[in-house]
């Protein structure tokens, strides 16, 4: 029994050195704004809407969660739009948009954790695995010159309110053709496929997001320092076609996912670096003190 007490006390010392257990929560957000709709159709009176669901262990939000009160079929209906965001504390994240009506849309999955660093300075990293996705734009329009379609994704990791890693890609389709812009950390992707409008051909563009996998450095933290980490994975879409069709004549489709599966509530998205030798010395000293105290107590008993 005394050995069991020593072991339990030793574990307590190790946990105090490494820090507190992670507390995790997740959020899913979808939003739509009718900006850019072709005037003269009943769809130009669509209400903007937004919903954020928070929960654990997983949560989702879709465009079916909001409708226009005077016409339930006018918004949230899959004929015109499909917005979906899903997040799990086990690391699975995805967001997708099928915008078949003019306007702007956003779908975001958010994974969050917070903990307190232990008794020694430590460095941490975060594992991510953006497995890929796609962006597709285009369809019929009466005037290519006035078209403005955009679709893409934004991935961001922030620590204590400051971004430490970010990546974004935006595919644009307009009168000048198709172009892809990328900011932040490069994420692998295919070449952009473009089909101009000609005769009976519709103007279209698309490309594939091929992914990013690795460990993101979150930084080094002092003993007892609080660490708050938020990972947001969003897809976005914009469709302005003032001289074209307002709905169902084209669309913007976007999908992005990070289905990294982690085990346990502490998870392995966040990992600690190997402590420095002085950290090991402090840990060993703590274990020796606890062991001696436990042995003395068992002898007295």
C-alpha atoms as a PDB file:
ATOM      1  CA  UNK A   1       0.000   0.000   0.000  1.00  0.00           C
ATOM      2  CA  UNK A   2       2.869   2.388   0.810  1.00  0.00           C
ATOM      3  CA  UNK A   3       4.292   1.888  -2.694  1.00  0.00           C
ATOM      4  CA  UNK A   4       0.904   2.800  -4.150  1.00  0.00           C
ATOM      5  CA  UNK A   5       0.879   6.005  -2.118  1.00  0.00           C
ATOM      6  CA  UNK A   6       4.372   6.864  -3.340  1.00  0.00           C
ATOM      7  CA  UNK A   7       3.296   6.256  -6.948  1.00  0.00           C
ATOM      8  CA  UNK A   8       0.182   8.387  -6.601  1.00  0.00           C
ATOM      9  CA  UNK A   9       2.145  11.207  -5.014  1.00  0.00           C
ATOM     10  CA  UNK A  10       4.773  10.990  -7.749  1.00  0.00           C
ATOM     11  CA  UNK A  11       2.088  11.276 -10.418  1.00  0.00           C
ATOM     12  CA  UNK A  12       0.759  14.376  -8.693  1.00  0.00           C
ATOM     13  CA  UNK A  13       4.218  15.961  -8.825  1.00  0.00           C
ATOM     14  CA  UNK A  14       4.599  15.131 -12.510  1.00  0.00           C
ATOM     15  CA  UNK A  15       1.207  16.687 -13.288  1.00  0.00           C
ATOM     16  CA  UNK A  16       2.122  19.817 -11.377  1.00  0.00           C
ATOM     17  CA  UNK A  17       5.333  20.097 -13.386  1.00  0.00           C
ATOM     18  CA  UNK A  18       3.619  19.583 -16.745  1.00  0.00           C
ATOM     19  CA  UNK A  19       0.530  21.659 -15.959  1.00  0.00           C
ATOM     20  CA  UNK A  20      -3.208  21.280 -15.628  1.00  0.00           C
ATOM     21  CA  UNK A  21      -5.400  19.126 -17.848  1.00  0.00           C
ATOM     22  CA  UNK A  22      -6.863  20.716 -20.949  1.00  0.00           C
ATOM     23  CA  UNK A  23     -10.403  22.063 -20.887  1.00  0.00           C
ATOM     24  CA  UNK A  24     -11.897  21.935 -24.375  1.00  0.00           C
ATOM     25  CA  UNK A  25     -14.988  23.357 -26.039  1.00  0.00           C
ATOM     26  CA  UNK A  26     -16.186  23.706 -29.617  1.00  0.00           C
ATOM     27  CA  UNK A  27     -18.281  26.090 -31.699  1.00  0.00           C
ATOM     28  CA  UNK A  28     -19.965  26.020 -35.116  1.00  0.00           C
ATOM     29  CA  UNK A  29     -21.016  29.216 -36.922  1.00  0.00           C
ATOM     30  CA  UNK A  30     -22.899  29.858 -40.159  1.00  0.00           C
ATOM     31  CA  UNK A  31     -23.990  33.226 -41.547  1.00  0.00           C
ATOM     32  CA  UNK A  32     -25.529  34.666 -44.708  1.00  0.00           C
ATOM     33  CA  UNK A  33     -26.000  38.214 -46.018  1.00  0.00           C
ATOM     34  CA  UNK A  34     -28.013  38.980 -49.185  1.00  0.00           C
ATOM     35  CA  UNK A  35     -25.600  41.645 -50.447  1.00  0.00           C
ATOM     36  CA  UNK A  36     -25.072  41.458 -54.205  1.00  0.00           C
ATOM     37  CA  UNK A  37     -28.442  39.940 -55.122  1.00  0.00           C
ATOM     38  CA  UNK A  38     -29.945  40.886 -58.459  1.00  0.00           C
ATOM     39  CA  UNK A  39     -32.670  43.488 -57.891  1.00  0.00           C
ATOM     40  CA  UNK A  40     -36.146  42.739 -59.170  1.00  0.00           C
ATOM     41  CA  UNK A  41     -36.526  39.203 -57.829  1.00  0.00           C
ATOM     42  CA  UNK A  42     -38.240  38.231 -54.612  1.00  0.00           C
ATOM     43  CA  UNK A  43     -34.961  36.760 -53.445  1.00  0.00           C
ATOM     44  CA  UNK A  44     -33.433  40.230 -53.132  1.00  0.00           C
ATOM     45  CA  UNK A  45     -35.479  40.614 -49.946  1.00  0.00           C
ATOM     46  CA  UNK A  46     -33.880  37.623 -48.235  1.00  0.00           C
ATOM     47  CA  UNK A  47     -32.994  38.397 -44.657  1.00  0.00           C
ATOM     48  CA  UNK A  48     -29.424  38.010 -43.496  1.00  0.00           C
ATOM     49  CA  UNK A  49     -29.045  35.468 -40.733  1.00  0.00           C
ATOM     50  CA  UNK A  50     -26.395  34.047 -38.432  1.00  0.00           C
ATOM     51  CA  UNK A  51     -26.269  31.290 -35.873  1.00  0.00           C
ATOM     52  CA  UNK A  52     -23.553  30.073 -33.529  1.00  0.00           C
ATOM     53  CA  UNK A  53     -23.873  26.794 -31.667  1.00  0.00           C
ATOM     54  CA  UNK A  54     -21.594  26.004 -28.754  1.00  0.00           C
ATOM     55  CA  UNK A  55     -21.232  22.651 -27.062  1.00  0.00           C
ATOM     56  CA  UNK A  56     -19.293  19.564 -26.145  1.00  0.00           C
ATOM     57  CA  UNK A  57     -18.301  16.981 -27.251  1.00  0.00           C
ATOM     58  CA  UNK A  58     -19.438  18.041 -30.729  1.00  0.00           C
ATOM     59  CA  UNK A  59     -21.622  20.651 -32.363  1.00  0.00           C
ATOM     60  CA  UNK A  60     -22.894  21.614 -35.807  1.00  0.00           C
ATOM     61  CA  UNK A  61     -24.757  24.491 -37.437  1.00  0.00           C
ATOM     62  CA  UNK A  62     -26.444  24.576 -40.835  1.00  0.00           C
ATOM     63  CA  UNK A  63     -28.376  27.045 -42.961  1.00  0.00           C
ATOM     64  CA  UNK A  64     -31.527  25.093 -42.094  1.00  0.00           C
ATOM     65  CA  UNK A  65     -31.214  26.611 -38.623  1.00  0.00           C
ATOM     66  CA  UNK A  66     -32.415  29.978 -39.916  1.00  0.00           C
ATOM     67  CA  UNK A  67     -35.308  30.856 -42.194  1.00  0.00           C
ATOM     68  CA  UNK A  68     -37.177  33.956 -43.235  1.00  0.00           C
ATOM     69  CA  UNK A  69     -40.260  34.194 -41.051  1.00  0.00           C
ATOM     70  CA  UNK A  70     -42.602  35.357 -43.844  1.00  0.00           C
ATOM     71  CA  UNK A  71     -41.341  32.760 -46.346  1.00  0.00           C
ATOM     72  CA  UNK A  72     -39.660  29.694 -44.804  1.00  0.00           C
ATOM     73  CA  UNK A  73     -38.658  28.427 -48.254  1.00  0.00           C
ATOM     74  CA  UNK A  74     -36.742  31.586 -49.152  1.00  0.00           C
ATOM     75  CA  UNK A  75     -33.745  31.016 -46.873  1.00  0.00           C
ATOM     76  CA  UNK A  76     -32.197  27.976 -45.313  1.00  0.00           C
ATOM     77  CA  UNK A  77     -33.546  25.857 -48.189  1.00  0.00           C
ATOM     78  CA  UNK A  78     -31.023  23.624 -49.918  1.00  0.00           C
ATOM     79  CA  UNK A  79     -32.282  24.848 -53.306  1.00  0.00           C
ATOM     80  CA  UNK A  80     -30.632  28.198 -52.642  1.00  0.00           C
ATOM     81  CA  UNK A  81     -27.897  27.575 -50.129  1.00  0.00           C
ATOM     82  CA  UNK A  82     -26.260  24.943 -47.992  1.00  0.00           C
ATOM     83  CA  UNK A  83     -24.053  26.124 -45.152  1.00  0.00           C
ATOM     84  CA  UNK A  84     -22.564  23.674 -42.698  1.00  0.00           C
ATOM     85  CA  UNK A  85     -19.967  23.794 -39.937  1.00  0.00           C
ATOM     86  CA  UNK A  86     -19.078  20.888 -37.666  1.00  0.00           C
ATOM     87  CA  UNK A  87     -16.580  20.645 -34.816  1.00  0.00           C
ATOM     88  CA  UNK A  88     -15.749  17.899 -32.320  1.00  0.00           C
ATOM     89  CA  UNK A  89     -13.536  18.006 -29.230  1.00  0.00           C
ATOM     90  CA  UNK A  90     -11.896  14.920 -30.717  1.00  0.00           C
ATOM     91  CA  UNK A  91     -10.419  17.156 -33.390  1.00  0.00           C
ATOM     92  CA  UNK A  92     -12.739  16.561 -36.345  1.00  0.00           C
ATOM     93  CA  UNK A  93     -13.508  19.894 -38.068  1.00  0.00           C
ATOM     94  CA  UNK A  94     -15.184  20.790 -41.357  1.00  0.00           C
ATOM     95  CA  UNK A  95     -16.969  23.648 -43.069  1.00  0.00           C
ATOM     96  CA  UNK A  96     -18.733  23.751 -46.412  1.00  0.00           C
ATOM     97  CA  UNK A  97     -20.836  26.111 -48.497  1.00  0.00           C
ATOM     98  CA  UNK A  98     -23.102  25.631 -51.481  1.00  0.00           C
ATOM     99  CA  UNK A  99     -24.296  29.141 -52.349  1.00  0.00           C
ATOM    100  CA  UNK A 100     -26.804  28.967 -55.216  1.00  0.00           C
ATOM    101  CA  UNK A 101     -28.107  32.467 -54.619  1.00  0.00           C
ATOM    102  CA  UNK A 102     -26.426  35.858 -54.656  1.00  0.00           C
ATOM    103  CA  UNK A 103     -24.960  37.154 -51.412  1.00  0.00           C
ATOM    104  CA  UNK A 104     -22.167  36.296 -49.006  1.00  0.00           C
ATOM    105  CA  UNK A 105     -21.874  33.272 -46.757  1.00  0.00           C
ATOM    106  CA  UNK A 106     -19.521  32.051 -44.050  1.00  0.00           C
ATOM    107  CA  UNK A 107     -19.219  28.696 -42.286  1.00  0.00           C
ATOM    108  CA  UNK A 108     -16.727  28.332 -39.410  1.00  0.00           C
ATOM    109  CA  UNK A 109     -15.734  25.467 -37.145  1.00  0.00           C
ATOM    110  CA  UNK A 110     -13.885  26.453 -33.967  1.00  0.00           C
ATOM    111  CA  UNK A 111     -11.853  24.194 -31.633  1.00  0.00           C
ATOM    112  CA  UNK A 112     -10.698  25.743 -28.366  1.00  0.00           C
ATOM    113  CA  UNK A 113      -8.655  24.589 -25.389  1.00  0.00           C
ATOM    114  CA  UNK A 114      -7.149  26.248 -22.331  1.00  0.00           C
ATOM    115  CA  UNK A 115      -4.732  25.062 -19.657  1.00  0.00           C
ATOM    116  CA  UNK A 116      -2.102  26.311 -17.234  1.00  0.00           C
ATOM    117  CA  UNK A 117       1.545  25.506 -17.784  1.00  0.00           C
ATOM    118  CA  UNK A 118       3.214  23.639 -14.915  1.00  0.00           C
ATOM    119  CA  UNK A 119       6.145  24.354 -12.652  1.00  0.00           C
ATOM    120  CA  UNK A 120       8.785  24.609 -15.381  1.00  0.00           C
ATOM    121  CA  UNK A 121       8.992  26.583 -18.658  1.00  0.00           C
ATOM    122  CA  UNK A 122       7.652  24.521 -21.546  1.00  0.00           C
ATOM    123  CA  UNK A 123       7.153  24.802 -25.293  1.00  0.00           C
ATOM    124  CA  UNK A 124       4.023  23.503 -26.998  1.00  0.00           C
ATOM    125  CA  UNK A 125       2.960  22.669 -30.540  1.00  0.00           C
ATOM    126  CA  UNK A 126      -0.375  21.921 -32.186  1.00  0.00           C
ATOM    127  CA  UNK A 127      -1.022  19.152 -34.696  1.00  0.00           C
ATOM    128  CA  UNK A 128      -3.180  19.990 -37.710  1.00  0.00           C
ATOM    129  CA  UNK A 129      -4.110  17.949 -40.766  1.00  0.00           C
ATOM    130  CA  UNK A 130      -5.993  19.910 -43.418  1.00  0.00           C
ATOM    131  CA  UNK A 131      -6.766  16.990 -45.697  1.00  0.00           C
ATOM    132  CA  UNK A 132      -8.053  19.012 -48.608  1.00  0.00           C
ATOM    133  CA  UNK A 133     -11.157  20.395 -50.222  1.00  0.00           C
ATOM    134  CA  UNK A 134     -12.246  22.340 -53.265  1.00  0.00           C
ATOM    135  CA  UNK A 135     -13.573  25.668 -54.570  1.00  0.00           C
ATOM    136  CA  UNK A 136     -15.951  25.857 -57.568  1.00  0.00           C
ATOM    137  CA  UNK A 137     -17.343  29.048 -59.115  1.00  0.00           C
ATOM    138  CA  UNK A 138     -19.424  29.975 -62.110  1.00  0.00           C
ATOM    139  CA  UNK A 139     -22.531  29.363 -64.155  1.00  0.00           C
ATOM    140  CA  UNK A 140     -24.698  31.388 -66.492  1.00  0.00           C
ATOM    141  CA  UNK A 141     -24.569  35.178 -66.516  1.00  0.00           C
ATOM    142  CA  UNK A 142     -25.935  37.852 -68.850  1.00  0.00           C
ATOM    143  CA  UNK A 143     -22.830  40.008 -68.518  1.00  0.00           C
ATOM    144  CA  UNK A 144     -19.464  38.526 -67.553  1.00  0.00           C
ATOM    145  CA  UNK A 145     -18.017  42.026 -67.141  1.00  0.00           C
ATOM    146  CA  UNK A 146     -20.142  42.749 -64.046  1.00  0.00           C
ATOM    147  CA  UNK A 147     -19.704  39.372 -62.381  1.00  0.00           C
ATOM    148  CA  UNK A 148     -17.810  39.015 -59.104  1.00  0.00           C
ATOM    149  CA  UNK A 149     -17.583  35.575 -57.525  1.00  0.00           C
ATOM    150  CA  UNK A 150     -15.224  34.545 -54.778  1.00  0.00           C
ATOM    151  CA  UNK A 151     -14.745  31.427 -52.702  1.00  0.00           C
ATOM    152  CA  UNK A 152     -12.065  30.098 -50.407  1.00  0.00           C
ATOM    153  CA  UNK A 153     -10.981  29.264 -46.893  1.00  0.00           C
ATOM    154  CA  UNK A 154      -9.229  30.758 -43.876  1.00  0.00           C
ATOM    155  CA  UNK A 155      -7.413  28.679 -41.237  1.00  0.00           C
ATOM    156  CA  UNK A 156      -6.099  30.416 -38.129  1.00  0.00           C
ATOM    157  CA  UNK A 157      -4.516  29.384 -34.832  1.00  0.00           C
ATOM    158  CA  UNK A 158      -4.331  31.961 -32.064  1.00  0.00           C
ATOM    159  CA  UNK A 159      -2.675  31.747 -28.659  1.00  0.00           C
ATOM    160  CA  UNK A 160      -3.824  34.075 -25.886  1.00  0.00           C
ATOM    161  CA  UNK A 161      -5.587  36.230 -28.461  1.00  0.00           C
ATOM    162  CA  UNK A 162      -2.655  36.520 -30.906  1.00  0.00           C
ATOM    163  CA  UNK A 163      -2.485  34.690 -34.244  1.00  0.00           C
ATOM    164  CA  UNK A 164       0.569  32.398 -34.441  1.00  0.00           C
ATOM    165  CA  UNK A 165      -0.303  30.549 -37.675  1.00  0.00           C
ATOM    166  CA  UNK A 166      -2.663  31.377 -40.514  1.00  0.00           C
ATOM    167  CA  UNK A 167      -3.359  30.391 -44.106  1.00  0.00           C
ATOM    168  CA  UNK A 168      -5.946  31.523 -46.608  1.00  0.00           C
ATOM    169  CA  UNK A 169      -6.778  31.059 -50.274  1.00  0.00           C
ATOM    170  CA  UNK A 170      -9.285  32.999 -52.384  1.00  0.00           C
ATOM    171  CA  UNK A 171     -10.411  32.027 -55.883  1.00  0.00           C
ATOM    172  CA  UNK A 172     -11.937  34.936 -57.840  1.00  0.00           C
ATOM    173  CA  UNK A 173     -14.007  34.776 -61.024  1.00  0.00           C
ATOM    174  CA  UNK A 174     -14.882  38.017 -62.837  1.00  0.00           C
ATOM    175  CA  UNK A 175     -14.714  39.739 -66.189  1.00  0.00           C
ATOM    176  CA  UNK A 176     -10.917  39.478 -66.205  1.00  0.00           C
ATOM    177  CA  UNK A 177     -11.007  35.696 -65.789  1.00  0.00           C
ATOM    178  CA  UNK A 178     -10.010  33.533 -62.828  1.00  0.00           C
ATOM    179  CA  UNK A 179      -7.234  34.097 -60.279  1.00  0.00           C
ATOM    180  CA  UNK A 180      -6.088  32.500 -57.051  1.00  0.00           C
ATOM    181  CA  UNK A 181      -4.606  34.504 -54.171  1.00  0.00           C
ATOM    182  CA  UNK A 182      -2.896  32.938 -51.158  1.00  0.00           C
ATOM    183  CA  UNK A 183      -1.744  34.525 -47.903  1.00  0.00           C
ATOM    184  CA  UNK A 184       0.039  33.179 -44.847  1.00  0.00           C
ATOM    185  CA  UNK A 185       1.440  29.658 -44.754  1.00  0.00           C
ATOM    186  CA  UNK A 186       1.334  27.922 -48.178  1.00  0.00           C
ATOM    187  CA  UNK A 187      -1.241  25.123 -48.431  1.00  0.00           C
ATOM    188  CA  UNK A 188      -0.810  22.717 -51.334  1.00  0.00           C
ATOM    189  CA  UNK A 189      -3.328  23.066 -54.154  1.00  0.00           C
ATOM    190  CA  UNK A 190      -3.891  22.118 -57.770  1.00  0.00           C
ATOM    191  CA  UNK A 191      -3.713  24.487 -60.710  1.00  0.00           C
ATOM    192  CA  UNK A 192      -6.826  26.555 -61.365  1.00  0.00           C
ATOM    193  CA  UNK A 193      -9.046  25.225 -64.146  1.00  0.00           C
ATOM    194  CA  UNK A 194     -10.794  28.013 -66.090  1.00  0.00           C
ATOM    195  CA  UNK A 195     -13.433  27.940 -68.788  1.00  0.00           C
ATOM    196  CA  UNK A 196     -14.335  31.302 -70.334  1.00  0.00           C
ATOM    197  CA  UNK A 197     -17.820  32.106 -71.527  1.00  0.00           C
ATOM    198  CA  UNK A 198     -18.090  31.395 -75.265  1.00  0.00           C
ATOM    199  CA  UNK A 199     -21.047  30.461 -77.439  1.00  0.00           C
ATOM    200  CA  UNK A 200     -23.006  28.081 -75.232  1.00  0.00           C
ATOM    201  CA  UNK A 201     -20.217  27.583 -72.730  1.00  0.00           C
ATOM    202  CA  UNK A 202     -20.674  29.024 -69.243  1.00  0.00           C
ATOM    203  CA  UNK A 203     -17.857  30.812 -67.448  1.00  0.00           C
ATOM    204  CA  UNK A 204     -16.484  28.570 -64.704  1.00  0.00           C
ATOM    205  CA  UNK A 205     -13.396  28.070 -62.540  1.00  0.00           C
ATOM    206  CA  UNK A 206     -12.328  25.572 -59.887  1.00  0.00           C
ATOM    207  CA  UNK A 207      -9.340  24.095 -58.099  1.00  0.00           C
ATOM    208  CA  UNK A 208      -8.577  21.512 -55.411  1.00  0.00           C
ATOM    209  CA  UNK A 209      -7.122  22.174 -51.966  1.00  0.00           C
ATOM    210  CA  UNK A 210      -4.594  19.402 -51.464  1.00  0.00           C
ATOM    211  CA  UNK A 211      -3.847  19.992 -47.809  1.00  0.00           C
ATOM    212  CA  UNK A 212      -1.364  20.755 -45.066  1.00  0.00           C
ATOM    213  CA  UNK A 213      -0.193  18.500 -42.249  1.00  0.00           C
ATOM    214  CA  UNK A 214       2.270  19.233 -39.493  1.00  0.00           C
ATOM    215  CA  UNK A 215       2.948  20.633 -36.051  1.00  0.00           C
ATOM    216  CA  UNK A 216       2.456  24.356 -35.489  1.00  0.00           C
ATOM    217  CA  UNK A 217       4.730  25.974 -32.898  1.00  0.00           C
ATOM    218  CA  UNK A 218       2.568  27.647 -30.242  1.00  0.00           C
ATOM    219  CA  UNK A 219       5.492  29.181 -28.368  1.00  0.00           C
ATOM    220  CA  UNK A 220       7.231  28.869 -25.015  1.00  0.00           C
ATOM    221  CA  UNK A 221       5.464  29.573 -21.739  1.00  0.00           C
ATOM    222  CA  UNK A 222       6.660  30.437 -18.272  1.00  0.00           C
ATOM    223  CA  UNK A 223       5.891  28.383 -15.195  1.00  0.00           C
ATOM    224  CA  UNK A 224       2.267  28.847 -14.179  1.00  0.00           C
ATOM    225  CA  UNK A 225       1.367  30.776 -17.339  1.00  0.00           C
ATOM    226  CA  UNK A 226      -2.171  30.361 -18.704  1.00  0.00           C
ATOM    227  CA  UNK A 227      -2.399  29.107 -22.285  1.00  0.00           C
ATOM    228  CA  UNK A 228      -5.513  29.687 -24.390  1.00  0.00           C
ATOM    229  CA  UNK A 229      -5.562  28.168 -27.904  1.00  0.00           C
ATOM    230  CA  UNK A 230      -8.215  28.639 -30.604  1.00  0.00           C
ATOM    231  CA  UNK A 231      -8.198  26.930 -34.002  1.00  0.00           C
ATOM    232  CA  UNK A 232     -10.699  28.297 -36.546  1.00  0.00           C
ATOM    233  CA  UNK A 233     -11.336  26.680 -39.923  1.00  0.00           C
ATOM    234  CA  UNK A 234     -13.689  28.665 -42.185  1.00  0.00           C
ATOM    235  CA  UNK A 235     -15.026  28.529 -45.715  1.00  0.00           C
ATOM    236  CA  UNK A 236     -16.481  31.624 -47.355  1.00  0.00           C
ATOM    237  CA  UNK A 237     -18.381  32.525 -50.510  1.00  0.00           C
ATOM    238  CA  UNK A 238     -19.464  35.682 -52.322  1.00  0.00           C
ATOM    239  CA  UNK A 239     -21.677  36.000 -55.399  1.00  0.00           C
ATOM    240  CA  UNK A 240     -22.365  39.347 -57.034  1.00  0.00           C
ATOM    241  CA  UNK A 241     -23.983  39.134 -60.451  1.00  0.00           C
ATOM    242  CA  UNK A 242     -26.072  42.302 -60.892  1.00  0.00           C
ATOM    243  CA  UNK A 243     -26.662  41.788 -64.641  1.00  0.00           C
ATOM    244  CA  UNK A 244     -27.030  38.041 -64.491  1.00  0.00           C
ATOM    245  CA  UNK A 245     -29.195  35.524 -62.758  1.00  0.00           C
ATOM    246  CA  UNK A 246     -29.856  36.025 -59.057  1.00  0.00           C
ATOM    247  CA  UNK A 247     -30.217  32.386 -58.159  1.00  0.00           C
ATOM    248  CA  UNK A 248     -29.947  28.800 -59.415  1.00  0.00           C
ATOM    249  CA  UNK A 249     -28.117  29.812 -62.612  1.00  0.00           C
ATOM    250  CA  UNK A 250     -24.732  29.180 -61.065  1.00  0.00           C
ATOM    251  CA  UNK A 251     -23.137  29.215 -57.673  1.00  0.00           C
ATOM    252  CA  UNK A 252     -20.165  29.063 -55.353  1.00  0.00           C
ATOM    253  CA  UNK A 253     -19.208  25.786 -53.666  1.00  0.00           C
ATOM    254  CA  UNK A 254     -16.462  25.484 -51.050  1.00  0.00           C
ATOM    255  CA  UNK A 255     -15.340  22.649 -48.801  1.00  0.00           C
ATOM    256  CA  UNK A 256     -12.474  22.390 -46.301  1.00  0.00           C
ATOM    257  CA  UNK A 257     -11.808  19.840 -43.550  1.00  0.00           C
ATOM    258  CA  UNK A 258      -9.361  18.822 -40.837  1.00  0.00           C
ATOM    259  CA  UNK A 259     -10.562  15.412 -39.592  1.00  0.00           C
ATOM    260  CA  UNK A 260      -7.610  14.820 -37.269  1.00  0.00           C
ATOM    261  CA  UNK A 261      -8.771  12.357 -34.626  1.00  0.00           C
ATOM    262  CA  UNK A 262      -7.353  12.710 -31.126  1.00  0.00           C
ATOM    263  CA  UNK A 263      -7.834  10.503 -28.095  1.00  0.00           C
ATOM    264  CA  UNK A 264      -9.026  11.473 -24.643  1.00  0.00           C
ATOM    265  CA  UNK A 265     -10.298  14.786 -23.370  1.00  0.00           C
ATOM    266  CA  UNK A 266      -6.757  16.126 -23.072  1.00  0.00           C
ATOM    267  CA  UNK A 267      -6.184  15.327 -26.701  1.00  0.00           C
ATOM    268  CA  UNK A 268      -3.021  15.195 -28.749  1.00  0.00           C
ATOM    269  CA  UNK A 269      -3.678  18.269 -30.873  1.00  0.00           C
ATOM    270  CA  UNK A 270      -1.556  20.069 -28.266  1.00  0.00           C
ATOM    271  CA  UNK A 271       1.762  18.422 -27.411  1.00  0.00           C
ATOM    272  CA  UNK A 272       4.540  19.519 -25.073  1.00  0.00           C
ATOM    273  CA  UNK A 273       8.165  19.587 -26.124  1.00  0.00           C
ATOM    274  CA  UNK A 274      10.732  17.503 -24.262  1.00  0.00           C
ATOM    275  CA  UNK A 275      11.634  19.496 -21.126  1.00  0.00           C
ATOM    276  CA  UNK A 276      15.086  20.987 -20.783  1.00  0.00           C
ATOM    277  CA  UNK A 277      17.574  19.147 -18.516  1.00  0.00           C
ATOM    278  CA  UNK A 278      16.933  21.605 -15.682  1.00  0.00           C
ATOM    279  CA  UNK A 279      13.225  20.792 -15.926  1.00  0.00           C
ATOM    280  CA  UNK A 280      13.978  17.099 -15.533  1.00  0.00           C
ATOM    281  CA  UNK A 281      16.150  17.942 -12.521  1.00  0.00           C
ATOM    282  CA  UNK A 282      13.296  19.831 -10.890  1.00  0.00           C
ATOM    283  CA  UNK A 283      10.893  16.975 -11.608  1.00  0.00           C
ATOM    284  CA  UNK A 284      13.310  14.393 -10.172  1.00  0.00           C
ATOM    285  CA  UNK A 285      13.898  16.506  -7.086  1.00  0.00           C
ATOM    286  CA  UNK A 286      10.165  16.687  -6.509  1.00  0.00           C
ATOM    287  CA  UNK A 287       9.780  12.945  -6.878  1.00  0.00           C
ATOM    288  CA  UNK A 288      12.612  12.294  -4.403  1.00  0.00           C
ATOM    289  CA  UNK A 289      11.084  14.625  -1.841  1.00  0.00           C
ATOM    290  CA  UNK A 290       7.687  12.990  -2.175  1.00  0.00           C
ATOM    291  CA  UNK A 291       9.216   9.515  -2.019  1.00  0.00           C
ATOM    292  CA  UNK A 292      11.188  10.262   1.156  1.00  0.00           C
ATOM    293  CA  UNK A 293       8.174  11.864   2.811  1.00  0.00           C
ATOM    294  CA  UNK A 294       5.965   8.892   1.929  1.00  0.00           C
ATOM    295  CA  UNK A 295       8.515   6.372   3.254  1.00  0.00           C
ATOM    296  CA  UNK A 296       8.915   8.251   6.539  1.00  0.00           C
ATOM    297  CA  UNK A 297       5.155   8.387   6.936  1.00  0.00           C
ATOM    298  CA  UNK A 298       4.812   4.644   6.288  1.00  0.00           C
ATOM    299  CA  UNK A 299       7.510   3.856   8.901  1.00  0.00           C
ATOM    300  CA  UNK A 300       5.765   5.961  11.506  1.00  0.00           C
ATOM    301  CA  UNK A 301       2.467   4.220  10.751  1.00  0.00           C
END
